[in-house]
């Protein structure tokens, strides 16, 4: 029986422990696909030292997430991650996009953001784990037929690791969370 590690507080100070716990569980379950949220690429850079080469998919913020035309992942860092065998995905967020534009313009929440707020009841990192699993599946970088380990965090770094079977966003309710490896206690 697997155990869940609960961190006292959310945040990037949990990153190393989250990566190690995730790597240990992925090895125990023979999981070959690791999906990690990494806005600037620094969490992904730490992960490439821990996970087997070619297993890692790093999902960034979409361009323009923080500021118009701004991409938080610098081109040099992206190239370095790719040289180290990490696939890097930058695309529209599964729980954002056009619906977020409707909210901003018309001041009304849309379905995808309601889903996001609901998932945040388990923690920001938990929501992001499910979101990046959909994004990576939609991009064809992960299979929806195999379990994956997803790692994300609250703000920056990593504090949540989840074993799941990804789904395409259009089939979101087929996504299955099998285990929570670690997360902050809320």
N, C-alpha and C. Protein backbone atom coordinates (compact mmCIF):
# COMPACT_ATOMS: atom_id res chain seq x y z
N UNK A 1 0.83 -1.18 0.00
CA UNK A 1 0.00 0.00 0.00
C UNK A 1 0.88 1.25 0.00
N UNK A 2 0.58 2.15 -0.90
CA UNK A 2 1.34 3.39 -1.01
C UNK A 2 0.94 4.36 0.10
N UNK A 3 1.88 5.18 0.50
CA UNK A 3 1.59 6.21 1.50
C UNK A 3 1.58 7.57 0.81
N UNK A 4 0.86 8.50 1.40
CA UNK A 4 0.81 9.88 0.90
C UNK A 4 1.62 10.74 1.87
N UNK A 5 2.47 11.57 1.33
CA UNK A 5 3.21 12.53 2.14
C UNK A 5 2.47 13.86 2.08
N UNK A 6 2.19 14.42 3.24
CA UNK A 6 1.55 15.73 3.32
C UNK A 6 2.58 16.74 3.81
N UNK A 7 2.77 17.80 3.03
CA UNK A 7 3.67 18.86 3.45
C UNK A 7 2.92 19.83 4.34
N UNK A 8 3.62 20.37 5.34
CA UNK A 8 3.01 21.30 6.28
C UNK A 8 2.52 22.57 5.59
N UNK A 9 3.31 23.07 4.65
CA UNK A 9 2.96 24.29 3.93
C UNK A 9 3.22 24.09 2.44
N UNK A 10 2.41 24.73 1.58
CA UNK A 10 2.68 24.65 0.14
C UNK A 10 3.89 25.51 -0.22
N UNK A 11 4.47 25.25 -1.38
CA UNK A 11 5.50 26.13 -1.88
C UNK A 11 6.73 25.44 -2.41
N UNK A 12 7.63 26.24 -2.97
CA UNK A 12 8.81 25.71 -3.65
C UNK A 12 9.83 25.03 -2.74
N UNK A 13 9.77 25.28 -1.44
CA UNK A 13 10.71 24.61 -0.52
C UNK A 13 10.47 23.09 -0.48
N UNK A 14 9.37 22.63 -1.06
CA UNK A 14 9.06 21.19 -1.13
C UNK A 14 9.54 20.54 -2.43
N UNK A 15 10.18 21.30 -3.29
CA UNK A 15 10.49 20.80 -4.64
C UNK A 15 11.36 19.55 -4.63
N UNK A 16 12.48 19.57 -3.95
CA UNK A 16 13.38 18.40 -3.98
C UNK A 16 12.70 17.16 -3.44
N UNK A 17 12.00 17.30 -2.33
CA UNK A 17 11.31 16.16 -1.73
C UNK A 17 10.23 15.63 -2.68
N UNK A 18 9.50 16.53 -3.33
CA UNK A 18 8.46 16.13 -4.28
C UNK A 18 9.07 15.36 -5.44
N UNK A 19 10.17 15.84 -5.98
CA UNK A 19 10.83 15.16 -7.10
C UNK A 19 11.31 13.77 -6.69
N UNK A 20 11.91 13.67 -5.53
CA UNK A 20 12.42 12.37 -5.06
C UNK A 20 11.27 11.40 -4.79
N UNK A 21 10.22 11.87 -4.10
CA UNK A 21 9.07 11.00 -3.84
C UNK A 21 8.43 10.54 -5.15
N UNK A 22 8.30 11.47 -6.10
CA UNK A 22 7.73 11.13 -7.39
C UNK A 22 8.58 10.13 -8.14
N UNK A 23 9.89 10.33 -8.15
CA UNK A 23 10.80 9.40 -8.84
C UNK A 23 10.73 8.02 -8.22
N UNK A 24 10.71 7.96 -6.90
CA UNK A 24 10.62 6.66 -6.22
C UNK A 24 9.33 5.93 -6.59
N UNK A 25 8.22 6.65 -6.59
CA UNK A 25 6.93 6.01 -6.89
C UNK A 25 6.85 5.61 -8.36
N UNK A 26 7.35 6.45 -9.25
CA UNK A 26 7.35 6.12 -10.67
C UNK A 26 8.17 4.85 -10.92
N UNK A 27 9.29 4.74 -10.24
CA UNK A 27 10.13 3.53 -10.39
C UNK A 27 9.40 2.30 -9.86
N UNK A 28 8.75 2.42 -8.70
CA UNK A 28 8.00 1.30 -8.12
C UNK A 28 6.90 0.82 -9.05
N UNK A 29 6.25 1.75 -9.74
CA UNK A 29 5.13 1.41 -10.62
C UNK A 29 5.55 1.23 -12.09
N UNK A 30 6.84 1.35 -12.37
CA UNK A 30 7.36 1.25 -13.74
C UNK A 30 6.72 2.28 -14.68
N UNK A 31 6.48 3.46 -14.16
CA UNK A 31 5.90 4.54 -14.97
C UNK A 31 7.02 5.17 -15.78
N UNK A 32 6.79 5.28 -17.07
CA UNK A 32 7.81 5.78 -18.00
C UNK A 32 7.59 7.24 -18.41
N UNK A 33 6.44 7.82 -18.07
CA UNK A 33 6.10 9.18 -18.50
C UNK A 33 5.94 10.08 -17.29
N UNK A 34 6.72 11.16 -17.28
CA UNK A 34 6.66 12.14 -16.20
C UNK A 34 6.28 13.48 -16.83
N UNK A 35 5.21 14.09 -16.34
CA UNK A 35 4.74 15.38 -16.83
C UNK A 35 4.96 16.39 -15.69
N UNK A 36 5.67 17.47 -15.99
CA UNK A 36 6.01 18.41 -14.93
C UNK A 36 5.69 19.84 -15.36
N UNK A 37 5.06 20.58 -14.47
CA UNK A 37 4.81 22.00 -14.71
C UNK A 37 6.10 22.75 -14.45
N UNK A 38 6.46 23.64 -15.38
CA UNK A 38 7.69 24.40 -15.19
C UNK A 38 7.61 25.69 -16.00
N UNK A 39 7.22 26.76 -15.35
CA UNK A 39 7.02 28.05 -16.03
C UNK A 39 8.33 28.61 -16.58
N UNK A 40 9.35 28.68 -15.73
CA UNK A 40 10.63 29.26 -16.14
C UNK A 40 11.61 28.19 -16.60
N UNK A 41 11.30 26.93 -16.32
CA UNK A 41 12.19 25.83 -16.66
C UNK A 41 13.08 25.37 -15.53
N UNK A 42 13.12 26.11 -14.42
CA UNK A 42 14.03 25.73 -13.33
C UNK A 42 13.60 24.43 -12.65
N UNK A 43 12.32 24.21 -12.47
CA UNK A 43 11.87 22.94 -11.87
C UNK A 43 12.18 21.78 -12.81
N UNK A 44 11.98 21.98 -14.09
CA UNK A 44 12.30 20.94 -15.07
C UNK A 44 13.79 20.65 -15.08
N UNK A 45 14.63 21.69 -14.94
CA UNK A 45 16.07 21.47 -14.90
C UNK A 45 16.47 20.61 -13.71
N UNK A 46 15.80 20.80 -12.60
CA UNK A 46 16.08 19.96 -11.42
C UNK A 46 15.61 18.53 -11.67
N UNK A 47 14.48 18.40 -12.37
CA UNK A 47 13.90 17.08 -12.63
C UNK A 47 14.74 16.25 -13.60
N UNK A 48 15.39 16.87 -14.58
CA UNK A 48 16.17 16.09 -15.55
C UNK A 48 17.34 15.38 -14.88
N UNK A 49 17.75 15.84 -13.73
CA UNK A 49 18.84 15.17 -12.99
C UNK A 49 18.34 13.93 -12.25
N UNK A 50 17.02 13.85 -12.05
CA UNK A 50 16.45 12.78 -11.22
C UNK A 50 15.76 11.71 -12.05
N UNK A 51 15.06 12.10 -13.10
CA UNK A 51 14.27 11.15 -13.89
C UNK A 51 15.05 10.65 -15.09
N UNK A 52 14.74 9.43 -15.57
CA UNK A 52 15.46 8.89 -16.73
C UNK A 52 15.32 9.76 -17.96
N UNK A 53 16.37 9.83 -18.74
CA UNK A 53 16.40 10.61 -19.98
C UNK A 53 15.25 10.17 -20.89
N UNK A 54 14.55 11.15 -21.44
CA UNK A 54 13.47 10.86 -22.38
C UNK A 54 12.11 10.63 -21.74
N UNK A 55 12.06 10.62 -20.41
CA UNK A 55 10.78 10.35 -19.73
C UNK A 55 10.01 11.63 -19.43
N UNK A 56 10.67 12.78 -19.50
CA UNK A 56 10.12 14.02 -18.98
C UNK A 56 9.47 14.89 -20.06
N UNK A 57 8.25 15.38 -19.74
CA UNK A 57 7.56 16.37 -20.55
C UNK A 57 7.34 17.58 -19.64
N UNK A 58 7.94 18.70 -19.98
CA UNK A 58 7.79 19.94 -19.20
C UNK A 58 6.73 20.80 -19.87
N UNK A 59 5.74 21.23 -19.09
CA UNK A 59 4.65 22.06 -19.61
C UNK A 59 4.81 23.45 -19.01
N UNK A 60 4.91 24.45 -19.90
CA UNK A 60 5.12 25.83 -19.47
C UNK A 60 3.80 26.60 -19.45
N UNK A 61 3.87 27.81 -18.95
CA UNK A 61 2.75 28.74 -19.13
C UNK A 61 2.64 29.07 -20.61
N UNK A 62 1.45 29.40 -21.05
CA UNK A 62 1.29 29.86 -22.42
C UNK A 62 1.96 31.23 -22.58
N UNK A 63 2.38 31.52 -23.79
CA UNK A 63 2.93 32.85 -24.07
C UNK A 63 1.82 33.87 -23.84
N UNK A 64 2.15 34.96 -23.18
CA UNK A 64 1.16 35.98 -22.86
C UNK A 64 0.43 35.74 -21.55
N UNK A 65 0.79 34.70 -20.82
CA UNK A 65 0.11 34.38 -19.56
C UNK A 65 0.26 35.51 -18.55
N UNK A 66 1.48 36.00 -18.38
CA UNK A 66 1.74 37.09 -17.43
C UNK A 66 1.61 38.46 -18.08
N UNK A 67 2.20 38.62 -19.26
CA UNK A 67 2.20 39.89 -19.98
C UNK A 67 2.12 39.60 -21.47
N UNK A 68 1.57 40.52 -22.23
CA UNK A 68 1.44 40.34 -23.68
C UNK A 68 2.79 39.98 -24.30
N UNK A 69 2.77 38.97 -25.13
CA UNK A 69 3.94 38.48 -25.88
C UNK A 69 5.06 37.93 -25.01
N UNK A 70 4.89 37.85 -23.71
CA UNK A 70 5.96 37.39 -22.82
C UNK A 70 5.90 35.88 -22.64
N UNK A 71 7.06 35.25 -22.76
CA UNK A 71 7.21 33.83 -22.48
C UNK A 71 8.21 33.70 -21.33
N UNK A 72 7.77 33.06 -20.25
CA UNK A 72 8.62 32.94 -19.06
C UNK A 72 9.80 32.00 -19.27
N UNK A 73 9.64 31.02 -20.15
CA UNK A 73 10.73 30.08 -20.43
C UNK A 73 11.63 30.67 -21.51
N UNK A 74 12.84 31.01 -21.13
CA UNK A 74 13.79 31.60 -22.07
C UNK A 74 14.21 30.57 -23.13
N UNK A 75 14.42 31.02 -24.37
CA UNK A 75 14.79 30.10 -25.45
C UNK A 75 16.03 29.25 -25.14
N UNK A 76 17.02 29.85 -24.48
CA UNK A 76 18.23 29.11 -24.13
C UNK A 76 17.96 27.98 -23.15
N UNK A 77 17.10 28.24 -22.20
CA UNK A 77 16.76 27.20 -21.22
C UNK A 77 15.96 26.09 -21.88
N UNK A 78 15.07 26.47 -22.79
CA UNK A 78 14.29 25.45 -23.52
C UNK A 78 15.23 24.55 -24.31
N UNK A 79 16.18 25.13 -25.02
CA UNK A 79 17.14 24.33 -25.81
C UNK A 79 17.95 23.41 -24.91
N UNK A 80 18.35 23.90 -23.74
CA UNK A 80 19.12 23.07 -22.81
C UNK A 80 18.28 21.88 -22.31
N UNK A 81 17.03 22.13 -21.96
CA UNK A 81 16.15 21.05 -21.53
C UNK A 81 15.99 20.01 -22.64
N UNK A 82 15.78 20.48 -23.85
CA UNK A 82 15.62 19.56 -24.99
C UNK A 82 16.91 18.77 -25.24
N UNK A 83 18.07 19.39 -25.07
CA UNK A 83 19.35 18.68 -25.21
C UNK A 83 19.47 17.57 -24.17
N UNK A 84 18.84 17.78 -23.02
CA UNK A 84 18.90 16.80 -21.94
C UNK A 84 17.79 15.74 -22.06
N UNK A 85 17.07 15.76 -23.18
CA UNK A 85 16.06 14.72 -23.44
C UNK A 85 14.67 15.05 -22.93
N UNK A 86 14.44 16.28 -22.53
CA UNK A 86 13.12 16.70 -22.02
C UNK A 86 12.31 17.32 -23.16
N UNK A 87 11.08 16.87 -23.33
CA UNK A 87 10.17 17.50 -24.28
C UNK A 87 9.57 18.72 -23.59
N UNK A 88 9.43 19.83 -24.33
CA UNK A 88 8.89 21.06 -23.75
C UNK A 88 7.63 21.45 -24.51
N UNK A 89 6.56 21.66 -23.77
CA UNK A 89 5.27 22.02 -24.36
C UNK A 89 4.83 23.41 -23.88
N UNK A 90 4.54 24.28 -24.83
CA UNK A 90 3.96 25.58 -24.55
C UNK A 90 2.70 25.68 -25.39
N UNK A 91 1.56 25.83 -24.75
CA UNK A 91 0.29 25.91 -25.48
C UNK A 91 -0.78 26.55 -24.59
N UNK A 92 -1.97 26.69 -25.13
CA UNK A 92 -3.09 27.23 -24.35
C UNK A 92 -3.36 26.32 -23.16
N UNK A 93 -3.72 26.89 -22.04
CA UNK A 93 -4.03 26.11 -20.85
C UNK A 93 -5.37 25.41 -21.03
N UNK A 94 -5.44 24.18 -20.57
CA UNK A 94 -6.66 23.40 -20.72
C UNK A 94 -7.83 24.02 -19.97
N UNK A 95 -7.56 24.68 -18.84
CA UNK A 95 -8.63 25.28 -18.05
C UNK A 95 -8.60 26.80 -18.17
N UNK A 96 -8.25 27.31 -19.34
CA UNK A 96 -8.18 28.75 -19.58
C UNK A 96 -8.48 29.02 -21.04
N UNK A 97 -7.85 30.01 -21.59
CA UNK A 97 -8.02 30.29 -23.01
C UNK A 97 -9.20 31.21 -23.28
N UNK A 98 -9.98 30.87 -24.29
CA UNK A 98 -11.07 31.73 -24.74
C UNK A 98 -12.07 31.99 -23.61
N UNK A 99 -12.35 30.98 -22.81
CA UNK A 99 -13.28 31.19 -21.70
C UNK A 99 -12.78 32.24 -20.71
N UNK A 100 -11.46 32.30 -20.52
CA UNK A 100 -10.90 33.32 -19.64
C UNK A 100 -11.11 34.71 -20.23
N UNK A 101 -11.02 34.80 -21.55
CA UNK A 101 -11.28 36.09 -22.22
C UNK A 101 -12.73 36.52 -22.00
N UNK A 102 -13.66 35.57 -22.04
CA UNK A 102 -15.07 35.88 -21.79
C UNK A 102 -15.24 36.39 -20.36
N UNK A 103 -14.58 35.74 -19.39
CA UNK A 103 -14.68 36.18 -18.00
C UNK A 103 -14.13 37.60 -17.85
N UNK A 104 -12.99 37.86 -18.45
CA UNK A 104 -12.38 39.18 -18.31
C UNK A 104 -13.23 40.27 -18.95
N UNK A 105 -13.83 39.98 -20.08
CA UNK A 105 -14.62 40.97 -20.81
C UNK A 105 -16.02 41.13 -20.22
N UNK A 106 -16.67 40.00 -19.91
CA UNK A 106 -18.06 40.04 -19.48
C UNK A 106 -18.27 39.82 -17.99
N UNK A 107 -17.17 39.61 -17.27
CA UNK A 107 -17.22 39.45 -15.82
C UNK A 107 -18.11 38.30 -15.37
N UNK A 108 -18.01 37.19 -16.08
CA UNK A 108 -18.76 35.99 -15.71
C UNK A 108 -17.88 34.78 -15.91
N UNK A 109 -17.90 33.88 -14.96
CA UNK A 109 -17.06 32.69 -15.05
C UNK A 109 -17.64 31.69 -16.02
N UNK A 110 -16.74 30.98 -16.68
CA UNK A 110 -17.10 29.97 -17.65
C UNK A 110 -16.79 28.59 -17.07
N UNK A 111 -17.27 27.57 -17.74
CA UNK A 111 -17.18 26.20 -17.23
C UNK A 111 -15.75 25.77 -16.90
N UNK A 112 -14.78 26.04 -17.78
CA UNK A 112 -13.43 25.56 -17.52
C UNK A 112 -12.83 26.17 -16.26
N UNK A 113 -13.16 27.43 -15.98
CA UNK A 113 -12.64 28.04 -14.76
C UNK A 113 -13.38 27.54 -13.52
N UNK A 114 -14.62 27.14 -13.66
CA UNK A 114 -15.35 26.52 -12.54
C UNK A 114 -14.70 25.18 -12.22
N UNK A 115 -14.35 24.42 -13.25
CA UNK A 115 -13.63 23.16 -13.05
C UNK A 115 -12.32 23.43 -12.33
N UNK A 116 -11.58 24.44 -12.77
CA UNK A 116 -10.30 24.77 -12.15
C UNK A 116 -10.47 25.14 -10.67
N UNK A 117 -11.45 25.98 -10.36
CA UNK A 117 -11.67 26.35 -8.96
C UNK A 117 -12.07 25.14 -8.12
N UNK A 118 -12.83 24.24 -8.69
CA UNK A 118 -13.23 23.03 -7.97
C UNK A 118 -12.01 22.16 -7.67
N UNK A 119 -11.15 21.98 -8.67
CA UNK A 119 -9.95 21.16 -8.47
C UNK A 119 -9.00 21.80 -7.46
N UNK A 120 -8.98 23.12 -7.37
CA UNK A 120 -8.11 23.79 -6.40
C UNK A 120 -8.51 23.49 -4.96
N UNK A 121 -9.68 22.93 -4.72
CA UNK A 121 -10.03 22.55 -3.35
C UNK A 121 -9.08 21.46 -2.85
N UNK A 122 -8.41 20.78 -3.77
CA UNK A 122 -7.39 19.78 -3.40
C UNK A 122 -6.00 20.41 -3.42
N UNK A 123 -5.90 21.66 -3.82
CA UNK A 123 -4.62 22.36 -3.87
C UNK A 123 -4.31 22.84 -5.28
N UNK A 124 -3.56 23.94 -5.36
CA UNK A 124 -3.18 24.49 -6.65
C UNK A 124 -2.40 23.48 -7.48
N UNK A 125 -1.44 22.81 -6.86
CA UNK A 125 -0.63 21.83 -7.58
C UNK A 125 -1.47 20.68 -8.12
N UNK A 126 -2.47 20.25 -7.37
CA UNK A 126 -3.35 19.17 -7.82
C UNK A 126 -4.09 19.60 -9.08
N UNK A 127 -4.64 20.81 -9.08
CA UNK A 127 -5.33 21.33 -10.26
C UNK A 127 -4.39 21.36 -11.45
N UNK A 128 -3.18 21.85 -11.24
CA UNK A 128 -2.22 21.96 -12.34
C UNK A 128 -1.82 20.58 -12.85
N UNK A 129 -1.68 19.60 -11.98
CA UNK A 129 -1.35 18.24 -12.43
C UNK A 129 -2.38 17.73 -13.44
N UNK A 130 -3.65 17.90 -13.14
CA UNK A 130 -4.69 17.44 -14.06
C UNK A 130 -4.70 18.25 -15.34
N UNK A 131 -4.47 19.55 -15.22
CA UNK A 131 -4.47 20.42 -16.38
C UNK A 131 -3.33 20.10 -17.34
N UNK A 132 -2.11 19.93 -16.81
CA UNK A 132 -0.98 19.65 -17.70
C UNK A 132 -1.06 18.26 -18.30
N UNK A 133 -1.74 17.34 -17.62
CA UNK A 133 -1.95 16.01 -18.20
C UNK A 133 -2.81 16.11 -19.45
N UNK A 134 -3.85 16.93 -19.38
CA UNK A 134 -4.71 17.15 -20.55
C UNK A 134 -3.94 17.86 -21.66
N UNK A 135 -3.18 18.86 -21.30
CA UNK A 135 -2.43 19.62 -22.30
C UNK A 135 -1.42 18.74 -23.03
N UNK A 136 -0.69 17.91 -22.28
CA UNK A 136 0.30 17.02 -22.89
C UNK A 136 -0.38 15.96 -23.76
N UNK A 137 -1.55 15.48 -23.32
CA UNK A 137 -2.29 14.51 -24.14
C UNK A 137 -2.79 15.16 -25.42
N UNK A 138 -3.33 16.38 -25.30
CA UNK A 138 -3.82 17.08 -26.49
C UNK A 138 -2.70 17.33 -27.50
N UNK A 139 -1.48 17.53 -27.02
CA UNK A 139 -0.34 17.78 -27.91
C UNK A 139 0.24 16.48 -28.47
N UNK A 140 -0.27 15.34 -28.01
CA UNK A 140 0.24 14.06 -28.48
C UNK A 140 1.57 13.66 -27.87
N UNK A 141 1.96 14.29 -26.77
CA UNK A 141 3.24 14.00 -26.13
C UNK A 141 3.16 12.89 -25.10
N UNK A 142 1.94 12.54 -24.68
CA UNK A 142 1.74 11.43 -23.73
C UNK A 142 0.55 10.60 -24.20
N UNK A 143 0.54 9.36 -23.79
CA UNK A 143 -0.56 8.47 -24.14
C UNK A 143 -1.69 8.58 -23.12
N UNK A 144 -2.90 8.45 -23.60
CA UNK A 144 -4.06 8.42 -22.70
C UNK A 144 -4.36 6.97 -22.29
N UNK A 145 -3.50 6.05 -22.69
CA UNK A 145 -3.68 4.63 -22.38
C UNK A 145 -2.68 4.13 -21.34
N UNK A 146 -1.80 5.02 -20.87
CA UNK A 146 -0.78 4.62 -19.91
C UNK A 146 -0.74 5.59 -18.74
N UNK A 147 -0.44 5.06 -17.58
CA UNK A 147 -0.30 5.90 -16.39
C UNK A 147 0.91 6.81 -16.53
N UNK A 148 0.81 7.97 -15.93
CA UNK A 148 1.90 8.94 -15.90
C UNK A 148 2.00 9.50 -14.49
N UNK A 149 3.15 10.07 -14.19
CA UNK A 149 3.34 10.80 -12.95
C UNK A 149 3.31 12.27 -13.31
N UNK A 150 2.46 13.04 -12.63
CA UNK A 150 2.40 14.50 -12.86
C UNK A 150 2.91 15.20 -11.62
N UNK A 151 3.71 16.24 -11.86
CA UNK A 151 4.29 17.03 -10.77
C UNK A 151 4.02 18.50 -11.04
N UNK A 152 3.53 19.20 -10.01
CA UNK A 152 3.26 20.63 -10.13
C UNK A 152 3.38 21.26 -8.75
N UNK A 153 3.11 22.55 -8.69
CA UNK A 153 3.26 23.22 -7.41
C UNK A 153 2.33 24.37 -7.21
N UNK A 154 2.53 25.03 -6.10
CA UNK A 154 1.76 26.21 -5.72
C UNK A 154 2.64 27.42 -6.00
N UNK A 155 2.32 28.15 -7.04
CA UNK A 155 3.18 29.28 -7.44
C UNK A 155 4.36 28.78 -8.22
N UNK A 156 5.51 28.67 -7.58
CA UNK A 156 6.72 28.17 -8.23
C UNK A 156 7.15 26.86 -7.58
N UNK A 157 8.06 26.17 -8.24
CA UNK A 157 8.55 24.91 -7.69
C UNK A 157 7.50 23.83 -7.75
N UNK A 158 7.71 22.79 -6.93
CA UNK A 158 6.81 21.63 -6.93
C UNK A 158 6.47 21.24 -5.50
N UNK A 159 5.20 20.92 -5.28
CA UNK A 159 4.78 20.43 -3.96
C UNK A 159 3.69 19.36 -4.07
N UNK A 160 3.41 18.93 -5.30
CA UNK A 160 2.35 17.94 -5.52
C UNK A 160 2.79 16.95 -6.58
N UNK A 161 2.59 15.68 -6.32
CA UNK A 161 2.85 14.62 -7.31
C UNK A 161 1.66 13.67 -7.30
N UNK A 162 1.18 13.35 -8.49
CA UNK A 162 -0.02 12.54 -8.66
C UNK A 162 0.22 11.49 -9.74
N UNK A 163 -0.21 10.26 -9.48
CA UNK A 163 -0.20 9.22 -10.50
C UNK A 163 -1.58 9.22 -11.13
N UNK A 164 -1.62 9.34 -12.46
CA UNK A 164 -2.91 9.40 -13.15
C UNK A 164 -2.80 8.82 -14.55
N UNK A 165 -3.95 8.60 -15.15
CA UNK A 165 -4.01 8.28 -16.57
C UNK A 165 -4.55 9.52 -17.25
N UNK A 166 -3.74 10.14 -18.14
CA UNK A 166 -4.17 11.37 -18.80
C UNK A 166 -5.39 11.16 -19.70
N UNK A 167 -6.01 12.26 -20.05
CA UNK A 167 -7.11 12.27 -21.02
C UNK A 167 -6.98 13.53 -21.86
N UNK A 168 -7.52 13.49 -23.05
CA UNK A 168 -7.61 14.71 -23.84
C UNK A 168 -8.62 15.62 -23.18
N UNK A 169 -8.46 16.93 -23.35
CA UNK A 169 -9.36 17.89 -22.71
C UNK A 169 -10.82 17.63 -23.11
N UNK A 170 -11.04 17.26 -24.36
CA UNK A 170 -12.42 17.00 -24.81
C UNK A 170 -13.01 15.75 -24.17
N UNK A 171 -12.15 14.93 -23.54
CA UNK A 171 -12.60 13.71 -22.84
C UNK A 171 -12.19 13.79 -21.38
N UNK A 172 -12.21 14.98 -20.81
CA UNK A 172 -11.69 15.24 -19.47
C UNK A 172 -12.17 14.23 -18.42
N UNK A 173 -13.40 13.81 -18.48
CA UNK A 173 -13.94 12.93 -17.44
C UNK A 173 -13.42 11.50 -17.56
N UNK A 174 -12.61 11.23 -18.57
CA UNK A 174 -11.93 9.94 -18.67
C UNK A 174 -10.59 9.97 -17.93
N UNK A 175 -10.11 11.14 -17.53
CA UNK A 175 -8.89 11.25 -16.76
C UNK A 175 -9.12 10.56 -15.42
N UNK A 176 -8.17 9.74 -15.01
CA UNK A 176 -8.30 9.01 -13.76
C UNK A 176 -7.12 9.29 -12.84
N UNK A 177 -7.39 9.77 -11.65
CA UNK A 177 -6.37 9.96 -10.63
C UNK A 177 -6.28 8.65 -9.85
N UNK A 178 -5.10 8.02 -9.90
CA UNK A 178 -4.91 6.74 -9.22
C UNK A 178 -4.34 6.90 -7.82
N UNK A 179 -3.40 7.83 -7.68
CA UNK A 179 -2.75 8.01 -6.40
C UNK A 179 -2.30 9.46 -6.23
N UNK A 180 -2.30 9.90 -5.01
CA UNK A 180 -1.64 11.15 -4.66
C UNK A 180 -0.37 10.73 -3.95
N UNK A 181 0.78 11.09 -4.50
CA UNK A 181 2.06 10.74 -3.90
C UNK A 181 2.37 11.71 -2.77
N UNK A 182 2.19 13.01 -3.06
CA UNK A 182 2.40 14.03 -2.03
C UNK A 182 1.65 15.28 -2.41
N UNK A 183 1.34 16.08 -1.40
CA UNK A 183 0.67 17.36 -1.60
C UNK A 183 0.73 18.14 -0.31
N UNK A 184 0.52 19.45 -0.39
CA UNK A 184 0.46 20.22 0.85
C UNK A 184 -0.85 19.93 1.60
N UNK A 185 -0.76 19.93 2.90
CA UNK A 185 -1.96 19.84 3.72
C UNK A 185 -2.58 21.22 3.74
N UNK A 186 -3.82 21.34 3.35
CA UNK A 186 -4.46 22.65 3.25
C UNK A 186 -5.18 23.01 4.52
